[in-house]
């Protein structure tokens, strides 16, 4: 039981803590880029929640390495911002509901303006 920790009556493993830290880092990065890119004259775009590869893997029931492979092959919906892979949970839900088909959507590399809105 060395690798387990109990927080708020819930048993957490080292893997759970790693997931939480990665998720928080992803969200902080998105918030920082959104805050530094705010311009008072620009109309605010709705901000969609993003998740990283680890949370996407959990959502899809796959390993993280499999998520990297499928995203590089263009088989799952992913958005690249620099070297980072970002996933929109609603896109992944649509992907799951469609039986693993992306249709015409494909993978996207976001330009700076869209990336700042994240």
N, C-alpha and C. Protein backbone atom coordinates (compact mmCIF):
# COMPACT_ATOMS: atom_id res chain seq x y z
N UNK A 1 0.82 -1.20 0.00
CA UNK A 1 0.00 0.00 0.00
C UNK A 1 0.85 1.26 0.00
N UNK A 2 2.15 1.16 -0.33
CA UNK A 2 3.01 2.34 -0.36
C UNK A 2 2.58 3.33 -1.43
N UNK A 3 2.04 2.83 -2.54
CA UNK A 3 1.70 3.69 -3.66
C UNK A 3 0.28 4.22 -3.59
N UNK A 4 -0.36 4.15 -2.44
CA UNK A 4 -1.74 4.61 -2.32
C UNK A 4 -1.83 5.70 -1.27
N UNK A 5 -2.74 6.63 -1.52
CA UNK A 5 -2.95 7.76 -0.64
C UNK A 5 -4.45 7.96 -0.53
N UNK A 6 -4.93 8.29 0.65
CA UNK A 6 -6.36 8.50 0.82
C UNK A 6 -6.61 9.99 1.01
N UNK A 7 -7.38 10.57 0.09
CA UNK A 7 -7.73 12.00 0.14
C UNK A 7 -9.24 12.09 0.04
N UNK A 8 -9.85 12.80 0.98
CA UNK A 8 -11.30 12.98 1.01
C UNK A 8 -12.03 11.64 0.88
N UNK A 9 -11.61 10.68 1.67
CA UNK A 9 -12.20 9.35 1.72
C UNK A 9 -12.14 8.60 0.39
N UNK A 10 -11.20 8.98 -0.46
CA UNK A 10 -11.02 8.29 -1.75
C UNK A 10 -9.58 7.84 -1.86
N UNK A 11 -9.40 6.59 -2.21
CA UNK A 11 -8.06 6.05 -2.35
C UNK A 11 -7.49 6.45 -3.71
N UNK A 12 -6.32 7.09 -3.70
CA UNK A 12 -5.68 7.52 -4.93
C UNK A 12 -4.36 6.80 -5.10
N UNK A 13 -4.06 6.42 -6.32
CA UNK A 13 -2.79 5.79 -6.63
C UNK A 13 -1.83 6.85 -7.16
N UNK A 14 -0.59 6.49 -7.33
CA UNK A 14 0.40 7.40 -7.90
C UNK A 14 -0.03 7.79 -9.31
N UNK A 15 -0.62 6.85 -10.05
CA UNK A 15 -1.10 7.14 -11.41
C UNK A 15 -2.20 8.20 -11.37
N UNK A 16 -3.12 8.11 -10.39
CA UNK A 16 -4.17 9.12 -10.26
C UNK A 16 -3.57 10.49 -9.99
N UNK A 17 -2.58 10.54 -9.11
CA UNK A 17 -1.95 11.82 -8.80
C UNK A 17 -1.23 12.38 -10.02
N UNK A 18 -0.58 11.54 -10.79
CA UNK A 18 0.08 11.97 -12.01
C UNK A 18 -0.95 12.56 -12.97
N UNK A 19 -2.10 11.91 -13.10
CA UNK A 19 -3.18 12.39 -13.96
C UNK A 19 -3.67 13.76 -13.48
N UNK A 20 -3.86 13.92 -12.19
CA UNK A 20 -4.34 15.18 -11.64
C UNK A 20 -3.35 16.30 -11.90
N UNK A 21 -2.07 16.04 -11.66
CA UNK A 21 -1.03 17.06 -11.88
C UNK A 21 -0.98 17.46 -13.35
N UNK A 22 -1.01 16.48 -14.27
CA UNK A 22 -0.96 16.77 -15.71
C UNK A 22 -2.18 17.58 -16.13
N UNK A 23 -3.35 17.20 -15.63
CA UNK A 23 -4.58 17.90 -15.96
C UNK A 23 -4.52 19.35 -15.47
N UNK A 24 -4.05 19.55 -14.25
CA UNK A 24 -3.93 20.91 -13.72
C UNK A 24 -2.92 21.73 -14.52
N UNK A 25 -1.80 21.12 -14.91
CA UNK A 25 -0.80 21.82 -15.71
C UNK A 25 -1.38 22.23 -17.06
N UNK A 26 -2.14 21.34 -17.70
CA UNK A 26 -2.77 21.66 -18.98
C UNK A 26 -3.75 22.82 -18.84
N UNK A 27 -4.56 22.75 -17.80
CA UNK A 27 -5.56 23.82 -17.59
C UNK A 27 -4.90 25.15 -17.26
N UNK A 28 -3.84 25.12 -16.45
CA UNK A 28 -3.13 26.34 -16.11
C UNK A 28 -2.50 26.97 -17.35
N UNK A 29 -1.91 26.15 -18.19
CA UNK A 29 -1.31 26.63 -19.42
C UNK A 29 -2.36 27.29 -20.31
N UNK A 30 -3.52 26.67 -20.43
CA UNK A 30 -4.60 27.24 -21.24
C UNK A 30 -5.08 28.57 -20.66
N UNK A 31 -5.22 28.62 -19.35
CA UNK A 31 -5.67 29.85 -18.70
C UNK A 31 -4.65 30.97 -18.88
N UNK A 32 -3.36 30.62 -18.74
CA UNK A 32 -2.32 31.63 -18.90
C UNK A 32 -2.32 32.20 -20.31
N UNK A 33 -2.44 31.33 -21.32
CA UNK A 33 -2.44 31.83 -22.69
C UNK A 33 -3.70 32.64 -22.97
N UNK A 34 -4.83 32.26 -22.38
CA UNK A 34 -6.07 33.01 -22.58
C UNK A 34 -5.98 34.39 -21.91
N UNK A 35 -5.37 34.44 -20.72
CA UNK A 35 -5.26 35.72 -20.01
C UNK A 35 -4.28 36.67 -20.67
N UNK A 36 -3.18 36.17 -21.20
CA UNK A 36 -2.19 37.06 -21.81
C UNK A 36 -2.61 37.52 -23.19
N UNK A 37 -3.55 36.80 -23.80
CA UNK A 37 -3.97 37.19 -25.15
C UNK A 37 -5.23 38.03 -25.15
N UNK A 38 -5.79 38.34 -24.01
CA UNK A 38 -7.04 39.09 -23.95
C UNK A 38 -6.83 40.51 -24.47
N UNK A 39 -7.68 40.87 -25.38
CA UNK A 39 -7.65 42.21 -25.94
C UNK A 39 -9.03 42.81 -25.77
N UNK A 40 -9.15 44.02 -25.17
CA UNK A 40 -10.47 44.56 -24.86
C UNK A 40 -11.35 44.83 -26.08
N UNK A 41 -10.77 45.05 -27.26
CA UNK A 41 -11.57 45.35 -28.43
C UNK A 41 -12.03 44.10 -29.17
N UNK A 42 -11.41 43.00 -28.89
CA UNK A 42 -11.77 41.76 -29.57
C UNK A 42 -12.96 41.10 -28.88
N UNK A 43 -13.90 40.65 -29.69
CA UNK A 43 -15.05 39.98 -29.13
C UNK A 43 -14.63 38.63 -28.55
N UNK A 44 -15.05 38.35 -27.35
CA UNK A 44 -14.66 37.12 -26.68
C UNK A 44 -15.31 35.91 -27.35
N UNK A 45 -14.49 34.91 -27.66
CA UNK A 45 -15.01 33.66 -28.19
C UNK A 45 -15.29 32.74 -27.02
N UNK A 46 -16.28 31.88 -27.17
CA UNK A 46 -16.53 30.95 -26.07
C UNK A 46 -15.32 30.03 -25.89
N UNK A 47 -14.96 29.80 -24.64
CA UNK A 47 -13.81 28.96 -24.33
C UNK A 47 -14.29 27.54 -24.10
N UNK A 48 -13.72 26.64 -24.87
CA UNK A 48 -14.05 25.23 -24.72
C UNK A 48 -12.99 24.57 -23.83
N UNK A 49 -13.44 23.71 -22.96
CA UNK A 49 -12.53 22.98 -22.08
C UNK A 49 -11.70 22.01 -22.90
N UNK A 50 -10.41 21.97 -22.63
CA UNK A 50 -9.53 21.01 -23.30
C UNK A 50 -8.94 20.05 -22.28
N UNK A 51 -8.55 18.91 -22.78
CA UNK A 51 -7.88 17.92 -21.93
C UNK A 51 -6.61 17.47 -22.64
N UNK A 52 -5.70 16.93 -21.88
CA UNK A 52 -4.45 16.43 -22.43
C UNK A 52 -4.57 14.96 -22.83
N UNK A 53 -3.49 14.41 -23.35
CA UNK A 53 -3.49 13.01 -23.81
C UNK A 53 -3.84 12.00 -22.71
N UNK A 54 -3.42 12.26 -21.48
CA UNK A 54 -3.68 11.30 -20.41
C UNK A 54 -5.18 11.18 -20.13
N UNK A 55 -5.84 12.35 -20.00
CA UNK A 55 -7.28 12.32 -19.73
C UNK A 55 -8.04 11.79 -20.95
N UNK A 56 -7.57 12.11 -22.15
CA UNK A 56 -8.20 11.58 -23.37
C UNK A 56 -8.11 10.06 -23.39
N UNK A 57 -6.96 9.54 -22.98
CA UNK A 57 -6.78 8.09 -22.93
C UNK A 57 -7.77 7.46 -21.96
N UNK A 58 -7.94 8.07 -20.82
CA UNK A 58 -8.90 7.55 -19.84
C UNK A 58 -10.32 7.60 -20.40
N UNK A 59 -10.64 8.69 -21.09
CA UNK A 59 -11.98 8.85 -21.64
C UNK A 59 -12.26 7.81 -22.73
N UNK A 60 -11.25 7.50 -23.53
CA UNK A 60 -11.40 6.54 -24.62
C UNK A 60 -11.17 5.10 -24.18
N UNK A 61 -10.64 4.91 -22.98
CA UNK A 61 -10.34 3.57 -22.49
C UNK A 61 -9.12 2.97 -23.17
N UNK A 62 -8.17 3.83 -23.51
CA UNK A 62 -6.95 3.40 -24.19
C UNK A 62 -5.73 3.79 -23.37
N UNK A 63 -4.58 3.26 -23.76
CA UNK A 63 -3.35 3.70 -23.12
C UNK A 63 -2.95 5.05 -23.71
N UNK A 64 -2.15 5.78 -22.99
CA UNK A 64 -1.72 7.09 -23.46
C UNK A 64 -0.88 6.95 -24.73
N UNK A 65 -0.05 5.92 -24.79
CA UNK A 65 0.77 5.73 -25.99
C UNK A 65 -0.11 5.44 -27.21
N UNK A 66 -1.21 4.71 -27.01
CA UNK A 66 -2.13 4.43 -28.11
C UNK A 66 -2.80 5.71 -28.59
N UNK A 67 -3.12 6.61 -27.66
CA UNK A 67 -3.71 7.90 -28.03
C UNK A 67 -2.73 8.69 -28.89
N UNK A 68 -1.44 8.68 -28.54
CA UNK A 68 -0.43 9.37 -29.34
C UNK A 68 -0.36 8.78 -30.75
N UNK A 69 -0.39 7.46 -30.84
CA UNK A 69 -0.32 6.80 -32.15
C UNK A 69 -1.55 7.15 -33.00
N UNK A 70 -2.74 7.00 -32.42
CA UNK A 70 -3.96 7.29 -33.17
C UNK A 70 -4.06 8.75 -33.59
N UNK A 71 -3.60 9.65 -32.72
CA UNK A 71 -3.66 11.08 -33.07
C UNK A 71 -2.66 11.40 -34.18
N UNK A 72 -1.48 10.77 -34.16
CA UNK A 72 -0.50 11.02 -35.22
C UNK A 72 -0.96 10.44 -36.55
N UNK A 73 -1.79 9.40 -36.50
CA UNK A 73 -2.33 8.80 -37.72
C UNK A 73 -3.60 9.51 -38.20
N UNK A 74 -4.06 10.49 -37.42
CA UNK A 74 -5.27 11.23 -37.80
C UNK A 74 -6.55 10.44 -37.57
N UNK A 75 -6.50 9.47 -36.68
CA UNK A 75 -7.67 8.62 -36.44
C UNK A 75 -8.56 9.09 -35.30
N UNK A 76 -8.06 9.99 -34.46
CA UNK A 76 -8.90 10.56 -33.40
C UNK A 76 -8.79 12.08 -33.48
N UNK A 77 -9.84 12.79 -33.07
CA UNK A 77 -9.83 14.26 -33.17
C UNK A 77 -8.87 14.88 -32.15
N UNK A 78 -7.88 15.60 -32.66
CA UNK A 78 -6.87 16.23 -31.82
C UNK A 78 -6.55 17.60 -32.41
N UNK A 79 -6.14 18.50 -31.56
CA UNK A 79 -5.72 19.83 -31.98
C UNK A 79 -4.31 20.03 -31.48
N UNK A 80 -3.41 20.43 -32.37
CA UNK A 80 -2.03 20.64 -32.00
C UNK A 80 -1.79 22.13 -31.81
N UNK A 81 -1.21 22.48 -30.69
CA UNK A 81 -0.79 23.85 -30.41
C UNK A 81 0.69 23.74 -30.10
N UNK A 82 1.50 24.10 -31.06
CA UNK A 82 2.94 23.89 -30.91
C UNK A 82 3.19 22.40 -30.85
N UNK A 83 3.86 21.96 -29.78
CA UNK A 83 4.12 20.54 -29.59
C UNK A 83 3.06 19.85 -28.74
N UNK A 84 2.11 20.62 -28.24
CA UNK A 84 1.10 20.06 -27.34
C UNK A 84 -0.07 19.49 -28.10
N UNK A 85 -0.58 18.39 -27.60
CA UNK A 85 -1.80 17.81 -28.13
C UNK A 85 -2.94 18.15 -27.18
N UNK A 86 -3.98 18.74 -27.72
CA UNK A 86 -5.15 19.09 -26.92
C UNK A 86 -6.37 18.40 -27.52
N UNK A 87 -7.24 17.94 -26.65
CA UNK A 87 -8.44 17.26 -27.07
C UNK A 87 -9.63 17.98 -26.46
N UNK A 88 -10.69 18.12 -27.23
CA UNK A 88 -11.94 18.65 -26.71
C UNK A 88 -12.81 17.46 -26.32
N UNK A 89 -13.24 17.39 -25.06
CA UNK A 89 -14.05 16.25 -24.62
C UNK A 89 -15.29 16.02 -25.48
N UNK A 90 -15.94 17.11 -25.91
CA UNK A 90 -17.14 16.92 -26.73
C UNK A 90 -16.80 16.31 -28.10
N UNK A 91 -15.62 16.65 -28.66
CA UNK A 91 -15.19 16.02 -29.91
C UNK A 91 -14.95 14.53 -29.71
N UNK A 92 -14.35 14.17 -28.57
CA UNK A 92 -14.10 12.76 -28.28
C UNK A 92 -15.40 12.00 -28.07
N UNK A 93 -16.38 12.65 -27.43
CA UNK A 93 -17.69 12.01 -27.24
C UNK A 93 -18.36 11.75 -28.58
N UNK A 94 -18.29 12.73 -29.50
CA UNK A 94 -18.85 12.54 -30.84
C UNK A 94 -18.13 11.40 -31.55
N UNK A 95 -16.82 11.35 -31.39
CA UNK A 95 -16.01 10.29 -32.00
C UNK A 95 -16.45 8.92 -31.48
N UNK A 96 -16.66 8.82 -30.18
CA UNK A 96 -17.08 7.57 -29.57
C UNK A 96 -18.47 7.18 -30.08
N UNK A 97 -19.40 8.17 -30.09
CA UNK A 97 -20.77 7.90 -30.54
C UNK A 97 -20.82 7.48 -32.00
N UNK A 98 -19.90 7.98 -32.81
CA UNK A 98 -19.89 7.64 -34.23
C UNK A 98 -19.23 6.29 -34.50
N UNK A 99 -18.80 5.63 -33.46
CA UNK A 99 -18.16 4.33 -33.62
C UNK A 99 -16.70 4.43 -34.06
N UNK A 100 -16.07 5.54 -33.80
CA UNK A 100 -14.66 5.71 -34.13
C UNK A 100 -14.41 6.30 -35.50
N UNK A 101 -15.39 7.01 -36.03
CA UNK A 101 -15.22 7.63 -37.35
C UNK A 101 -15.18 9.14 -37.17
N UNK A 102 -14.22 9.80 -37.85
CA UNK A 102 -14.11 11.25 -37.71
C UNK A 102 -14.80 12.00 -38.83
N UNK A 103 -15.22 11.34 -39.87
CA UNK A 103 -15.87 12.01 -40.97
C UNK A 103 -14.94 13.02 -41.62
N UNK A 104 -15.43 14.22 -41.88
CA UNK A 104 -14.65 15.25 -42.57
C UNK A 104 -13.83 16.11 -41.62
N UNK A 105 -13.99 15.93 -40.31
CA UNK A 105 -13.35 16.83 -39.35
C UNK A 105 -11.83 16.74 -39.41
N UNK A 106 -11.26 15.57 -39.21
CA UNK A 106 -9.81 15.40 -39.23
C UNK A 106 -9.13 16.14 -38.11
N UNK A 107 -7.81 16.05 -38.09
CA UNK A 107 -7.01 16.74 -37.08
C UNK A 107 -6.74 18.16 -37.52
N UNK A 108 -6.57 19.03 -36.56
CA UNK A 108 -6.36 20.43 -36.87
C UNK A 108 -5.12 20.94 -36.17
N UNK A 109 -4.40 21.79 -36.86
CA UNK A 109 -3.32 22.54 -36.23
C UNK A 109 -3.87 23.95 -36.07
N UNK A 110 -4.00 24.38 -34.84
CA UNK A 110 -4.61 25.68 -34.57
C UNK A 110 -3.62 26.81 -34.85
N UNK A 111 -4.15 27.87 -35.44
CA UNK A 111 -3.29 29.03 -35.62
C UNK A 111 -3.21 29.77 -34.30
N UNK A 112 -2.35 30.76 -34.23
CA UNK A 112 -2.08 31.48 -32.98
C UNK A 112 -3.36 32.10 -32.40
N UNK A 113 -4.20 32.70 -33.25
CA UNK A 113 -5.42 33.36 -32.76
C UNK A 113 -6.35 32.35 -32.08
N UNK A 114 -6.58 31.20 -32.72
CA UNK A 114 -7.46 30.19 -32.12
C UNK A 114 -6.82 29.58 -30.90
N UNK A 115 -5.52 29.38 -30.91
CA UNK A 115 -4.83 28.80 -29.76
C UNK A 115 -4.93 29.73 -28.56
N UNK A 116 -4.87 31.04 -28.81
CA UNK A 116 -4.98 32.00 -27.71
C UNK A 116 -6.37 31.95 -27.07
N UNK A 117 -7.37 31.60 -27.85
CA UNK A 117 -8.73 31.54 -27.31
C UNK A 117 -8.93 30.35 -26.38
N UNK A 118 -8.02 29.37 -26.45
CA UNK A 118 -8.12 28.22 -25.56
C UNK A 118 -7.68 28.64 -24.20
